[in-house]
Amino acid sequence: MEQVKLSYKATEKDLVSLSVYNVGNQKCGPLHQWGPGIRDHYLIHYIVSGKGTYIQNNHKHSLSAGDCFIVYPNTEVTYCADKSEPWEYSWIGFSGADAPLILSSTNFSVEHPYITNIAHGRYVKDSIANIYEASGNDLSSAILMSGRLYELLALFVADAHKDSTHSTAKYYVQKSIEYISANYSYPISIDDVSEFVGISRSQLYRCFESVLNQSPKEYLSHFRIKQACLLLTNTSLSVTTIANSLGYDTSLYFSKAFKKIKGVSPRDYRNQKNNYNNEYEYKDN
């Protein structure tokens, strides 16, 4: 069997709400395997033909044509094509502030990271192909890919069945995200968020954990750091100015929070981005 792989990896991944990281299609050879390993973003695979296995948290799932599986960030997984009927799959990798909330409204979950015989399978395949066709490393392409990604995820949401308890928790999380999005530049606290939503801090914590698998504090921190990455990459604002613009009391506290999440200081992050962009422009010319 001929092995074929078409893929695109984005270099601009700084859209806050939803960004495409990579997209493609692959006809795998017998026993072709990825992992064990982890990703730093979400990754959905739609199985076009053939079959294989997907392992997460020591749970092995046998999947075949018409099924989908998802890889969650920082979760160890392994997936392997069948020996006699190796699968072909299309995939889309993405991240962003909207991603966890949208996925919480689908039938995907950490405990159940796959959907069998998906109702809109042909449309899922076509949607991923449309995202691939829109690929490019300029802002307009990134926006177009994100728009088509929203359309793809809407297919999974349309097929979802969630209970009323989950829907209530999702409502409180959505209201919290709206508040954070509008007020992150001020020194808001989680108490401010819970007061706006109208539930206790402990209730808000449980809602975030059940819907997004992270605490409100973690969400707020990651949201601010994502905004910081945009400002560091696309402006010449000083680190102090950026810290003040994101609701941090001091630039030192901001730098510590940034390094905890990104692994480097704000200045080093900016330098790495500038060096990469300069190198990319040089190669492009």
C-alpha atoms as a PDB file:
ATOM      1  CA  MET A   1       0.000   0.000   0.000  1.00  0.00           C
ATOM      2  CA  GLU A   2       1.333   3.404  -0.957  1.00  0.00           C
ATOM      3  CA  GLN A   3       1.828   5.704   2.035  1.00  0.00           C
ATOM      4  CA  VAL A   4       0.765   9.291   1.372  1.00  0.00           C
ATOM      5  CA  LYS A   5       0.885  12.267   3.724  1.00  0.00           C
ATOM      6  CA  LEU A   6      -0.328  15.813   3.082  1.00  0.00           C
ATOM      7  CA  SER A   7       0.156  18.212   5.963  1.00  0.00           C
ATOM      8  CA  TYR A   8       0.415  21.884   6.842  1.00  0.00           C
ATOM      9  CA  LYS A   9       1.874  23.390  10.012  1.00  0.00           C
ATOM     10  CA  ALA A  10       0.994  26.976  10.852  1.00  0.00           C
ATOM     11  CA  THR A  11       3.712  29.428  11.826  1.00  0.00           C
ATOM     12  CA  GLU A  12       1.219  32.063  13.015  1.00  0.00           C
ATOM     13  CA  LYS A  13      -0.745  30.584  15.921  1.00  0.00           C
ATOM     14  CA  ASP A  14      -1.497  33.647  18.026  1.00  0.00           C
ATOM     15  CA  LEU A  15      -5.221  34.168  17.464  1.00  0.00           C
ATOM     16  CA  VAL A  16      -6.612  34.150  20.990  1.00  0.00           C
ATOM     17  CA  SER A  17     -10.057  32.609  20.410  1.00  0.00           C
ATOM     18  CA  LEU A  18      -9.211  29.723  18.078  1.00  0.00           C
ATOM     19  CA  SER A  19      -6.053  28.959  16.094  1.00  0.00           C
ATOM     20  CA  VAL A  20      -5.222  26.168  13.681  1.00  0.00           C
ATOM     21  CA  TYR A  21      -1.889  24.522  14.519  1.00  0.00           C
ATOM     22  CA  ASN A  22      -1.718  21.881  11.805  1.00  0.00           C
ATOM     23  CA  VAL A  23      -3.973  20.093   9.341  1.00  0.00           C
ATOM     24  CA  GLY A  24      -3.576  17.229   6.909  1.00  0.00           C
ATOM     25  CA  ASN A  25      -4.381  13.745   5.641  1.00  0.00           C
ATOM     26  CA  GLN A  26      -2.361  10.547   5.762  1.00  0.00           C
ATOM     27  CA  LYS A  27      -2.641   7.050   4.322  1.00  0.00           C
ATOM     28  CA  CYS A  28      -0.676   5.029   6.845  1.00  0.00           C
ATOM     29  CA  GLY A  29       1.334   1.888   6.299  1.00  0.00           C
ATOM     30  CA  PRO A  30       0.767  -1.298   8.331  1.00  0.00           C
ATOM     31  CA  LEU A  31       1.420  -0.752  12.066  1.00  0.00           C
ATOM     32  CA  HIS A  32       2.372   2.908  11.487  1.00  0.00           C
ATOM     33  CA  GLN A  33       2.432   4.378  14.997  1.00  0.00           C
ATOM     34  CA  TRP A  34       2.644   7.735  16.748  1.00  0.00           C
ATOM     35  CA  GLY A  35       3.576   7.810  20.412  1.00  0.00           C
ATOM     36  CA  PRO A  36       3.601   7.274  23.205  1.00  0.00           C
ATOM     37  CA  GLY A  37       3.784  11.046  23.434  1.00  0.00           C
ATOM     38  CA  ILE A  38       1.919  14.230  24.286  1.00  0.00           C
ATOM     39  CA  ARG A  39       0.768  17.289  22.339  1.00  0.00           C
ATOM     40  CA  ASP A  40       0.512  20.889  23.525  1.00  0.00           C
ATOM     41  CA  HIS A  41      -2.765  21.411  21.622  1.00  0.00           C
ATOM     42  CA  TYR A  42      -6.003  19.626  20.713  1.00  0.00           C
ATOM     43  CA  LEU A  43      -5.875  17.185  17.796  1.00  0.00           C
ATOM     44  CA  ILE A  44      -8.924  15.586  16.148  1.00  0.00           C
ATOM     45  CA  HIS A  45      -8.558  12.657  13.742  1.00  0.00           C
ATOM     46  CA  TYR A  46     -11.325  11.465  11.416  1.00  0.00           C
ATOM     47  CA  ILE A  47     -10.796   7.933  10.114  1.00  0.00           C
ATOM     48  CA  VAL A  48     -11.505   7.886   6.373  1.00  0.00           C
ATOM     49  CA  SER A  49     -10.861   4.161   5.815  1.00  0.00           C
ATOM     50  CA  GLY A  50      -9.227   1.160   7.443  1.00  0.00           C
ATOM     51  CA  LYS A  51      -8.820   0.676  11.168  1.00  0.00           C
ATOM     52  CA  GLY A  52      -6.405   0.972  14.073  1.00  0.00           C
ATOM     53  CA  THR A  53      -6.062   1.403  17.831  1.00  0.00           C
ATOM     54  CA  TYR A  54      -5.957   4.433  20.110  1.00  0.00           C
ATOM     55  CA  ILE A  55      -4.518   4.219  23.625  1.00  0.00           C
ATOM     56  CA  GLN A  56      -5.023   6.858  26.333  1.00  0.00           C
ATOM     57  CA  ASN A  57      -4.424   6.337  30.065  1.00  0.00           C
ATOM     58  CA  ASN A  58      -3.769   2.627  29.410  1.00  0.00           C
ATOM     59  CA  HIS A  59      -7.209   2.226  27.830  1.00  0.00           C
ATOM     60  CA  LYS A  60      -7.100   0.709  24.343  1.00  0.00           C
ATOM     61  CA  HIS A  61      -9.838   1.557  21.830  1.00  0.00           C
ATOM     62  CA  SER A  62     -10.313  -0.180  18.465  1.00  0.00           C
ATOM     63  CA  LEU A  63     -11.556   2.319  15.877  1.00  0.00           C
ATOM     64  CA  SER A  64     -12.435   2.143  12.186  1.00  0.00           C
ATOM     65  CA  ALA A  65     -13.732   4.146   9.221  1.00  0.00           C
ATOM     66  CA  GLY A  66     -16.320   6.756  10.214  1.00  0.00           C
ATOM     67  CA  ASP A  67     -14.967   7.139  13.763  1.00  0.00           C
ATOM     68  CA  CYS A  68     -13.189  10.138  15.301  1.00  0.00           C
ATOM     69  CA  PHE A  69     -10.736  10.410  18.171  1.00  0.00           C
ATOM     70  CA  ILE A  70      -9.297  13.428  19.953  1.00  0.00           C
ATOM     71  CA  VAL A  71      -5.939  14.038  21.611  1.00  0.00           C
ATOM     72  CA  TYR A  72      -6.138  16.403  24.584  1.00  0.00           C
ATOM     73  CA  PRO A  73      -3.215  18.706  25.453  1.00  0.00           C
ATOM     74  CA  ASN A  74      -0.584  17.239  27.777  1.00  0.00           C
ATOM     75  CA  THR A  75      -2.229  13.804  27.743  1.00  0.00           C
ATOM     76  CA  GLU A  76      -0.074  10.788  26.855  1.00  0.00           C
ATOM     77  CA  VAL A  77      -1.456   8.848  23.910  1.00  0.00           C
ATOM     78  CA  THR A  78      -0.460   6.239  21.335  1.00  0.00           C
ATOM     79  CA  TYR A  79      -2.244   5.461  18.094  1.00  0.00           C
ATOM     80  CA  CYS A  80      -1.351   2.746  15.616  1.00  0.00           C
ATOM     81  CA  ALA A  81      -2.631   1.575  12.215  1.00  0.00           C
ATOM     82  CA  ASP A  82      -3.899  -1.972  11.819  1.00  0.00           C
ATOM     83  CA  LYS A  83      -1.522  -4.559  10.345  1.00  0.00           C
ATOM     84  CA  SER A  84      -3.860  -5.828   7.618  1.00  0.00           C
ATOM     85  CA  GLU A  85      -6.160  -2.818   7.110  1.00  0.00           C
ATOM     86  CA  PRO A  86      -4.103   0.286   8.011  1.00  0.00           C
ATOM     87  CA  TRP A  87      -6.165   3.405   8.368  1.00  0.00           C
ATOM     88  CA  GLU A  88      -6.252   6.622   6.418  1.00  0.00           C
ATOM     89  CA  TYR A  89      -7.182   9.660   8.484  1.00  0.00           C
ATOM     90  CA  SER A  90      -7.599  13.402   8.216  1.00  0.00           C
ATOM     91  CA  TRP A  91      -6.582  15.532  11.189  1.00  0.00           C
ATOM     92  CA  ILE A  92      -6.829  19.060  12.534  1.00  0.00           C
ATOM     93  CA  GLY A  93      -4.752  20.462  15.401  1.00  0.00           C
ATOM     94  CA  PHE A  94      -5.860  23.620  17.187  1.00  0.00           C
ATOM     95  CA  SER A  95      -5.918  25.637  20.394  1.00  0.00           C
ATOM     96  CA  GLY A  96      -7.368  28.870  21.784  1.00  0.00           C
ATOM     97  CA  ALA A  97      -9.593  30.293  24.516  1.00  0.00           C
ATOM     98  CA  ASP A  98     -12.766  29.039  22.807  1.00  0.00           C
ATOM     99  CA  ALA A  99     -11.508  25.493  22.251  1.00  0.00           C
ATOM    100  CA  PRO A 100     -12.136  23.905  25.681  1.00  0.00           C
ATOM    101  CA  LEU A 101     -15.616  25.383  26.026  1.00  0.00           C
ATOM    102  CA  ILE A 102     -16.659  24.316  22.513  1.00  0.00           C
ATOM    103  CA  LEU A 103     -15.292  20.805  23.031  1.00  0.00           C
ATOM    104  CA  SER A 104     -17.137  20.536  26.350  1.00  0.00           C
ATOM    105  CA  SER A 105     -20.337  20.916  24.313  1.00  0.00           C
ATOM    106  CA  THR A 106     -19.487  17.906  22.118  1.00  0.00           C
ATOM    107  CA  ASN A 107     -19.569  14.173  22.824  1.00  0.00           C
ATOM    108  CA  PHE A 108     -15.785  14.174  23.277  1.00  0.00           C
ATOM    109  CA  SER A 109     -14.448  14.011  26.834  1.00  0.00           C
ATOM    110  CA  VAL A 110     -11.198  13.066  28.557  1.00  0.00           C
ATOM    111  CA  GLU A 111     -12.902   9.898  29.804  1.00  0.00           C
ATOM    112  CA  HIS A 112     -14.380   9.113  26.368  1.00  0.00           C
ATOM    113  CA  PRO A 113     -11.985  10.608  23.757  1.00  0.00           C
ATOM    114  CA  TYR A 114     -13.631   9.135  20.660  1.00  0.00           C
ATOM    115  CA  ILE A 115     -16.940   9.118  18.771  1.00  0.00           C
ATOM    116  CA  THR A 116     -17.942   6.075  16.733  1.00  0.00           C
ATOM    117  CA  ASN A 117     -19.825   6.234  13.447  1.00  0.00           C
ATOM    118  CA  ILE A 118     -20.114  10.014  13.537  1.00  0.00           C
ATOM    119  CA  ALA A 119     -23.313  11.277  11.879  1.00  0.00           C
ATOM    120  CA  HIS A 120     -21.647  14.002   9.786  1.00  0.00           C
ATOM    121  CA  GLY A 121     -18.588  11.982   8.773  1.00  0.00           C
ATOM    122  CA  ARG A 122     -18.458  13.079   5.131  1.00  0.00           C
ATOM    123  CA  TYR A 123     -18.870  16.713   6.155  1.00  0.00           C
ATOM    124  CA  VAL A 124     -16.125  16.362   8.767  1.00  0.00           C
ATOM    125  CA  LYS A 125     -13.735  15.075   6.106  1.00  0.00           C
ATOM    126  CA  ASP A 126     -14.718  17.857   3.698  1.00  0.00           C
ATOM    127  CA  SER A 127     -14.408  20.525   6.415  1.00  0.00           C
ATOM    128  CA  ILE A 128     -10.865  19.437   7.256  1.00  0.00           C
ATOM    129  CA  ALA A 129     -10.016  19.499   3.536  1.00  0.00           C
ATOM    130  CA  ASN A 130     -11.431  23.047   3.313  1.00  0.00           C
ATOM    131  CA  ILE A 131      -9.224  24.158   6.205  1.00  0.00           C
ATOM    132  CA  TYR A 132      -6.196  22.661   4.439  1.00  0.00           C
ATOM    133  CA  GLU A 133      -7.107  24.542   1.240  1.00  0.00           C
ATOM    134  CA  ALA A 134      -7.177  27.818   3.204  1.00  0.00           C
ATOM    135  CA  SER A 135      -3.714  27.249   4.723  1.00  0.00           C
ATOM    136  CA  GLY A 136      -1.169  30.039   4.612  1.00  0.00           C
ATOM    137  CA  ASN A 137       1.170  31.938   6.907  1.00  0.00           C
ATOM    138  CA  ASP A 138      -0.446  35.363   6.715  1.00  0.00           C
ATOM    139  CA  LEU A 139      -3.130  36.819   8.971  1.00  0.00           C
ATOM    140  CA  SER A 140      -5.921  36.556   6.416  1.00  0.00           C
ATOM    141  CA  SER A 141      -5.257  32.820   5.991  1.00  0.00           C
ATOM    142  CA  ALA A 142      -5.170  32.317   9.750  1.00  0.00           C
ATOM    143  CA  ILE A 143      -8.551  34.040  10.104  1.00  0.00           C
ATOM    144  CA  LEU A 144     -10.035  32.010   7.246  1.00  0.00           C
ATOM    145  CA  MET A 145      -8.757  28.742   8.721  1.00  0.00           C
ATOM    146  CA  SER A 146     -10.187  29.668  12.126  1.00  0.00           C
ATOM    147  CA  GLY A 147     -13.565  30.457  10.578  1.00  0.00           C
ATOM    148  CA  ARG A 148     -13.673  27.071   8.859  1.00  0.00           C
ATOM    149  CA  LEU A 149     -12.550  25.393  12.081  1.00  0.00           C
ATOM    150  CA  TYR A 150     -15.553  26.913  13.888  1.00  0.00           C
ATOM    151  CA  GLU A 151     -17.777  25.389  11.187  1.00  0.00           C
ATOM    152  CA  LEU A 152     -16.149  21.990  11.693  1.00  0.00           C
ATOM    153  CA  LEU A 153     -16.570  22.071  15.466  1.00  0.00           C
ATOM    154  CA  ALA A 154     -20.209  23.123  15.018  1.00  0.00           C
ATOM    155  CA  LEU A 155     -20.818  19.701  13.415  1.00  0.00           C
ATOM    156  CA  PHE A 156     -19.655  17.960  16.595  1.00  0.00           C
ATOM    157  CA  VAL A 157     -21.715  20.291  18.804  1.00  0.00           C
ATOM    158  CA  ALA A 158     -24.833  19.653  16.714  1.00  0.00           C
ATOM    159  CA  ASP A 159     -24.553  15.902  17.373  1.00  0.00           C
ATOM    160  CA  ALA A 160     -23.869  16.237  21.105  1.00  0.00           C
ATOM    161  CA  HIS A 161     -26.079  15.096  23.947  1.00  0.00           C
ATOM    162  CA  LYS A 162     -25.277  16.700  27.299  1.00  0.00           C
ATOM    163  CA  ASP A 163     -27.279  16.456  30.522  1.00  0.00           C
ATOM    164  CA  SER A 164     -28.861  19.442  32.297  1.00  0.00           C
ATOM    165  CA  THR A 165     -26.282  19.467  35.102  1.00  0.00           C
ATOM    166  CA  HIS A 166     -23.473  19.869  32.608  1.00  0.00           C
ATOM    167  CA  SER A 167     -25.450  22.555  30.755  1.00  0.00           C
ATOM    168  CA  THR A 168     -25.835  24.575  33.960  1.00  0.00           C
ATOM    169  CA  ALA A 169     -22.110  24.358  34.708  1.00  0.00           C
ATOM    170  CA  LYS A 170     -21.331  25.345  31.123  1.00  0.00           C
ATOM    171  CA  TYR A 171     -23.602  28.400  31.462  1.00  0.00           C
ATOM    172  CA  TYR A 172     -21.667  29.628  34.512  1.00  0.00           C
ATOM    173  CA  VAL A 173     -18.343  28.993  32.776  1.00  0.00           C
ATOM    174  CA  GLN A 174     -19.514  30.887  29.690  1.00  0.00           C
ATOM    175  CA  LYS A 175     -20.590  33.863  31.809  1.00  0.00           C
ATOM    176  CA  SER A 176     -17.215  33.773  33.569  1.00  0.00           C
ATOM    177  CA  ILE A 177     -15.325  33.744  30.280  1.00  0.00           C
ATOM    178  CA  GLU A 178     -17.360  36.719  29.049  1.00  0.00           C
ATOM    179  CA  TYR A 179     -16.447  38.625  32.211  1.00  0.00           C
ATOM    180  CA  ILE A 180     -12.765  37.688  31.969  1.00  0.00           C
ATOM    181  CA  SER A 181     -12.634  38.642  28.277  1.00  0.00           C
ATOM    182  CA  ALA A 182     -14.041  42.092  29.057  1.00  0.00           C
ATOM    183  CA  ASN A 183     -12.045  42.777  32.234  1.00  0.00           C
ATOM    184  CA  TYR A 184      -8.730  40.884  32.052  1.00  0.00           C
ATOM    185  CA  SER A 185      -6.834  44.183  31.659  1.00  0.00           C
ATOM    186  CA  TYR A 186      -7.898  45.155  35.189  1.00  0.00           C
ATOM    187  CA  PRO A 187      -6.583  43.516  38.388  1.00  0.00           C
ATOM    188  CA  ILE A 188      -9.643  41.272  38.725  1.00  0.00           C
ATOM    189  CA  SER A 189      -9.703  38.280  41.074  1.00  0.00           C
ATOM    190  CA  ILE A 190     -11.609  35.000  41.013  1.00  0.00           C
ATOM    191  CA  ASP A 191     -13.841  36.445  43.748  1.00  0.00           C
ATOM    192  CA  ASP A 192     -14.804  39.208  41.294  1.00  0.00           C
ATOM    193  CA  VAL A 193     -15.660  36.586  38.692  1.00  0.00           C
ATOM    194  CA  SER A 194     -17.783  34.473  41.044  1.00  0.00           C
ATOM    195  CA  GLU A 195     -19.603  37.583  42.303  1.00  0.00           C
ATOM    196  CA  PHE A 196     -20.432  38.597  38.718  1.00  0.00           C
ATOM    197  CA  VAL A 197     -21.691  35.106  37.864  1.00  0.00           C
ATOM    198  CA  GLY A 198     -23.685  34.883  41.099  1.00  0.00           C
ATOM    199  CA  ILE A 199     -22.316  31.714  42.653  1.00  0.00           C
ATOM    200  CA  SER A 200     -19.732  30.975  45.326  1.00  0.00           C
ATOM    201  CA  ARG A 201     -16.039  30.654  44.550  1.00  0.00           C
ATOM    202  CA  SER A 202     -16.116  26.932  45.375  1.00  0.00           C
ATOM    203  CA  GLN A 203     -19.110  26.381  43.067  1.00  0.00           C
ATOM    204  CA  LEU A 204     -17.326  28.256  40.287  1.00  0.00           C
ATOM    205  CA  TYR A 205     -14.264  26.087  40.812  1.00  0.00           C
ATOM    206  CA  ARG A 206     -16.335  22.904  40.429  1.00  0.00           C
ATOM    207  CA  CYS A 207     -17.994  24.255  37.270  1.00  0.00           C
ATOM    208  CA  PHE A 208     -14.626  25.039  35.644  1.00  0.00           C
ATOM    209  CA  GLU A 209     -13.174  21.667  36.616  1.00  0.00           C
ATOM    210  CA  SER A 210     -16.168  19.767  35.220  1.00  0.00           C
ATOM    211  CA  VAL A 211     -16.386  21.734  31.970  1.00  0.00           C
ATOM    212  CA  LEU A 212     -12.799  22.767  31.176  1.00  0.00           C
ATOM    213  CA  ASN A 213     -10.787  20.461  33.435  1.00  0.00           C
ATOM    214  CA  GLN A 214      -8.950  23.457  34.886  1.00  0.00           C
ATOM    215  CA  SER A 215      -9.530  25.980  37.665  1.00  0.00           C
ATOM    216  CA  PRO A 216     -10.823  29.540  37.112  1.00  0.00           C
ATOM    217  CA  LYS A 217      -7.424  30.856  38.223  1.00  0.00           C
ATOM    218  CA  GLU A 218      -5.626  28.705  35.654  1.00  0.00           C
ATOM    219  CA  TYR A 219      -7.981  29.865  32.918  1.00  0.00           C
ATOM    220  CA  LEU A 220      -7.481  33.542  33.810  1.00  0.00           C
ATOM    221  CA  SER A 221      -3.690  33.139  33.903  1.00  0.00           C
ATOM    222  CA  HIS A 222      -3.537  31.368  30.556  1.00  0.00           C
ATOM    223  CA  PHE A 223      -5.894  33.908  28.976  1.00  0.00           C
ATOM    224  CA  ARG A 224      -3.699  36.809  30.084  1.00  0.00           C
ATOM    225  CA  ILE A 225      -0.502  35.098  28.942  1.00  0.00           C
ATOM    226  CA  LYS A 226      -2.043  34.408  25.525  1.00  0.00           C
ATOM    227  CA  GLN A 227      -2.819  38.121  25.238  1.00  0.00           C
ATOM    228  CA  ALA A 228       0.737  38.877  26.347  1.00  0.00           C
ATOM    229  CA  CYS A 229       2.125  36.689  23.544  1.00  0.00           C
ATOM    230  CA  LEU A 230       0.143  38.712  21.023  1.00  0.00           C
ATOM    231  CA  LEU A 231       1.479  42.007  22.357  1.00  0.00           C
ATOM    232  CA  LEU A 232       5.063  40.753  22.581  1.00  0.00           C
ATOM    233  CA  THR A 233       4.949  39.459  19.018  1.00  0.00           C
ATOM    234  CA  ASN A 234       3.055  42.254  17.285  1.00  0.00           C
ATOM    235  CA  THR A 235       4.008  45.427  19.191  1.00  0.00           C
ATOM    236  CA  SER A 236       7.110  47.122  20.546  1.00  0.00           C
ATOM    237  CA  LEU A 237       5.487  47.854  23.921  1.00  0.00           C
ATOM    238  CA  SER A 238       7.774  47.416  26.913  1.00  0.00           C
ATOM    239  CA  VAL A 239       7.320  44.483  29.289  1.00  0.00           C
ATOM    240  CA  THR A 240       6.195  46.915  31.993  1.00  0.00           C
ATOM    241  CA  THR A 241       3.569  48.441  29.724  1.00  0.00           C
ATOM    242  CA  ILE A 242       2.294  45.011  28.754  1.00  0.00           C
ATOM    243  CA  ALA A 243       2.149  43.943  32.405  1.00  0.00           C
ATOM    244  CA  ASN A 244       0.120  47.039  33.291  1.00  0.00           C
ATOM    245  CA  SER A 245      -2.169  46.422  30.312  1.00  0.00           C
ATOM    246  CA  LEU A 246      -2.970  42.894  31.447  1.00  0.00           C
ATOM    247  CA  GLY A 247      -3.904  43.611  35.058  1.00  0.00           C
ATOM    248  CA  TYR A 248      -0.639  42.597  36.731  1.00  0.00           C
ATOM    249  CA  ASP A 249       0.477  44.571  39.778  1.00  0.00           C
ATOM    250  CA  THR A 250       4.155  44.592  38.770  1.00  0.00           C
ATOM    251  CA  SER A 251       6.260  43.613  35.776  1.00  0.00           C
ATOM    252  CA  LEU A 252       8.149  41.177  38.039  1.00  0.00           C
ATOM    253  CA  TYR A 253       4.960  39.300  38.909  1.00  0.00           C
ATOM    254  CA  PHE A 254       3.996  39.265  35.226  1.00  0.00           C
ATOM    255  CA  SER A 255       7.402  37.914  34.204  1.00  0.00           C
ATOM    256  CA  LYS A 256       7.167  35.099  36.772  1.00  0.00           C
ATOM    257  CA  ALA A 257       3.653  34.188  35.632  1.00  0.00           C
ATOM    258  CA  PHE A 258       4.738  34.287  31.982  1.00  0.00           C
ATOM    259  CA  LYS A 259       7.785  32.069  32.528  1.00  0.00           C
ATOM    260  CA  LYS A 260       5.739  29.567  34.550  1.00  0.00           C
ATOM    261  CA  ILE A 261       3.418  29.009  31.577  1.00  0.00           C
ATOM    262  CA  LYS A 262       5.688  29.575  28.554  1.00  0.00           C
ATOM    263  CA  GLY A 263       9.001  28.383  30.006  1.00  0.00           C
ATOM    264  CA  VAL A 264      10.895  31.562  29.041  1.00  0.00           C
ATOM    265  CA  SER A 265      10.845  35.204  30.102  1.00  0.00           C
ATOM    266  CA  PRO A 266       8.753  37.742  28.147  1.00  0.00           C
ATOM    267  CA  ARG A 267      11.908  39.290  26.676  1.00  0.00           C
ATOM    268  CA  ASP A 268      13.315  35.925  25.595  1.00  0.00           C
ATOM    269  CA  TYR A 269       9.963  35.021  24.069  1.00  0.00           C
ATOM    270  CA  ARG A 270       9.941  38.243  22.051  1.00  0.00           C
ATOM    271  CA  ASN A 271      13.519  37.688  20.890  1.00  0.00           C
ATOM    272  CA  GLN A 272      12.761  34.104  19.836  1.00  0.00           C
ATOM    273  CA  LYS A 273       9.719  35.244  17.864  1.00  0.00           C
ATOM    274  CA  ASN A 274      11.649  38.074  16.185  1.00  0.00           C
ATOM    275  CA  ASN A 275      14.526  35.778  15.268  1.00  0.00           C
ATOM    276  CA  TYR A 276      12.149  33.157  13.859  1.00  0.00           C
ATOM    277  CA  ASN A 277      10.208  35.721  11.807  1.00  0.00           C
ATOM    278  CA  ASN A 278      13.426  37.206  10.416  1.00  0.00           C
ATOM    279  CA  GLU A 279      14.706  33.760   9.482  1.00  0.00           C
ATOM    280  CA  TYR A 280      11.384  32.840   7.845  1.00  0.00           C
ATOM    281  CA  GLU A 281      11.349  36.070   5.799  1.00  0.00           C
ATOM    282  CA  TYR A 282      14.952  35.427   4.711  1.00  0.00           C
ATOM    283  CA  LYS A 283      14.123  31.893   3.529  1.00  0.00           C
ATOM    284  CA  ASP A 284      10.973  33.118   1.804  1.00  0.00           C
ATOM    285  CA  ASN A 285      13.022  35.611  -0.188  1.00  0.00           C
END
